[in-house]
Every structure is written in C-alpha cells, then in structure tokens.
C-alpha cells in the first residue's frame, strides 16, 4: 500500500508543485490586497476628516453671512431711529418758532 501511495504521489508530483506555487501566489496577492486596503482606509479617514472640516467651515461661513445681514438691518434701523429723533427735535423747534412768531405779532 505504501508503494502504491508513493507511486501515486510521484505520478502527480507536478500537480502538487503547481498547487503549492498557486498557494504562494494567492498569499502574495492577499498580502498586496491587505496593504492596499490599509492605504485606502487611511485615505478614507483623511477624506472624511477633510469633509467634516469643510462642512464646519461652510456652516460658520453661512452663520457669519446671516449675522452680517442682521447687522446691516440693525444699522439701518438705528439710522432710521436717529433720523426720527432728529425730526422730532426739528418739529419741536418749528412749533416753538411759530408760537414765538404768533406771540410777537
């Protein structure tokens, strides 16, 4: 039986060697794939961080634009209030002037 098994192994030795070489080749491909996967994960992590940073900057930019618009409205409102107060003062002066003119006449 041992001779028969040895004969079978020797008869198929080329197939055995080809199989061993194929296993080595597959191992090499898997090692390369693992390295590529590690690099890809690092790149994805960097890209995710960059996207997060850009989203934060975009959000802050939109917030700043809204605040600048609000400031513009508030400044115009303040100017309108100042003009209103000045007009009230001028109106009072006009009334006093008319009263003085009527009294003097």
Protein backbone atom coordinates (compact mmCIF):
# COMPACT_ATOMS: atom_id res chain seq x y z
CA UNK A 1 0.00 0.00 0.00
CA UNK A 2 2.87 2.34 0.78
CA UNK A 3 4.39 1.70 -2.60
CA UNK A 4 1.11 2.35 -4.27
CA UNK A 5 0.67 5.67 -2.39
CA UNK A 6 4.26 6.67 -3.15
CA UNK A 7 3.68 5.86 -6.81
CA UNK A 8 0.51 7.97 -6.84
CA UNK A 9 2.34 10.94 -5.22
CA UNK A 10 5.20 10.66 -7.69
CA UNK A 11 2.81 10.41 -10.63
CA UNK A 12 1.03 13.63 -9.53
CA UNK A 13 4.09 15.48 -8.21
CA UNK A 14 3.87 18.18 -10.90
CA UNK A 15 0.29 18.94 -9.89
CA UNK A 16 1.37 19.06 -6.25
CA UNK A 17 4.15 21.56 -7.02
CA UNK A 18 1.78 23.65 -9.15
CA UNK A 19 -0.70 23.71 -6.26
CA UNK A 20 1.99 24.81 -3.79
CA UNK A 21 3.07 27.57 -6.19
CA UNK A 22 -0.56 28.65 -6.60
CA UNK A 23 -0.98 28.87 -2.81
CA UNK A 24 2.16 31.04 -2.65
CA UNK A 25 0.82 33.27 -5.41
CA UNK A 26 -2.55 33.63 -3.65
CA UNK A 27 -0.75 34.51 -0.40
CA UNK A 28 1.20 37.22 -2.26
CA UNK A 29 -2.00 38.62 -3.77
CA UNK A 30 -3.71 38.64 -0.36
CA UNK A 31 -0.73 40.48 1.18
CA UNK A 32 -0.91 43.08 -1.59
CA UNK A 33 -4.67 43.41 -1.14
CA UNK A 34 -4.23 43.89 2.62
CA UNK A 35 -1.66 46.65 2.06
CA UNK A 36 -3.93 48.36 -0.49
CA UNK A 37 -6.86 48.10 1.91
CA UNK A 38 -4.86 49.72 4.72
CA UNK A 39 -3.86 52.60 2.45
CA UNK A 40 -7.44 53.00 1.23
CA UNK A 41 -8.74 53.12 4.82
CA UNK A 42 -6.19 55.81 5.69
CA UNK A 43 -7.19 57.83 2.64
CA UNK A 44 -10.89 57.45 3.50
CA UNK A 45 -10.18 58.60 7.05
CA UNK A 46 -8.32 61.65 5.76
CA UNK A 47 -11.09 62.41 3.28
CA UNK A 48 -13.76 62.07 5.98
CA UNK A 49 -11.84 64.46 8.22
CA UNK A 50 -11.46 66.94 5.36
CA UNK A 51 -15.19 66.74 4.56
CA UNK A 52 -16.02 67.30 8.23
CA UNK A 53 -13.71 70.33 8.36
CA UNK A 54 -15.18 71.77 5.15
CA UNK A 55 -18.72 71.27 6.44
CA UNK A 56 -17.82 73.13 9.64
CA UNK A 57 -16.23 75.97 7.66
CA UNK A 58 -19.29 76.15 5.39
CA UNK A 59 -21.62 76.25 8.38
CA UNK A 60 -19.57 79.01 10.03
CA UNK A 61 -19.48 80.97 6.75
CA UNK A 62 -23.27 80.79 6.38
CA UNK A 63 -23.66 81.83 10.02
CA UNK A 64 -21.33 84.79 9.50
CA UNK A 65 -23.24 85.87 6.37
CA UNK A 66 -26.52 85.76 8.29
CA UNK A 67 -25.02 87.80 11.12
CA UNK A 68 -23.61 90.37 8.69
CA UNK A 69 -27.05 90.71 7.08
CA UNK A 70 -28.64 91.11 10.51
CA UNK A 71 -26.05 93.75 11.43
CA UNK A 72 -26.85 95.65 8.23
CA UNK A 73 -30.56 95.64 9.06
CA UNK A 74 -29.87 96.76 12.63
CA UNK A 75 -27.61 99.60 11.46
CA UNK A 76 -30.29 100.83 9.07
CA UNK A 77 -32.86 100.60 11.85
CA UNK A 78 -30.59 102.61 14.15
CA UNK A 79 -30.13 105.22 11.43
CA UNK A 80 -33.89 105.42 10.92
CA UNK A 81 -34.41 105.86 14.67
CA UNK A 82 -31.77 108.63 14.79
CA UNK A 83 -33.45 110.42 11.87
CA UNK A 84 -36.81 110.08 13.60
CA UNK A 85 -35.43 111.64 16.79
CA UNK A 86 -33.84 114.48 14.82
CA UNK A 87 -37.14 115.13 13.03
CA UNK A 88 -38.98 115.24 16.35
CA UNK A 89 -36.45 117.81 17.62
CA UNK A 90 -36.81 119.93 14.47
CA UNK A 91 -40.60 119.69 14.77
CA UNK A 92 -40.47 120.95 18.36
CA UNK A 93 -38.22 123.84 17.27
CA UNK A 94 -40.69 124.71 14.48
CA UNK A 95 -43.62 124.68 16.90
CA UNK A 96 -41.70 126.91 19.33
CA UNK A 97 -40.76 129.26 16.47
CA UNK A 98 -44.38 129.50 15.29
CA UNK A 99 -45.55 130.18 18.87
CA UNK A 100 -42.94 132.89 19.29
CA UNK A 101 -43.92 134.46 15.94
CA UNK A 102 -47.61 134.40 16.87
CA UNK A 103 -46.86 135.90 20.31
CA UNK A 104 -44.64 138.62 18.86
CA UNK A 105 -47.11 139.51 16.13
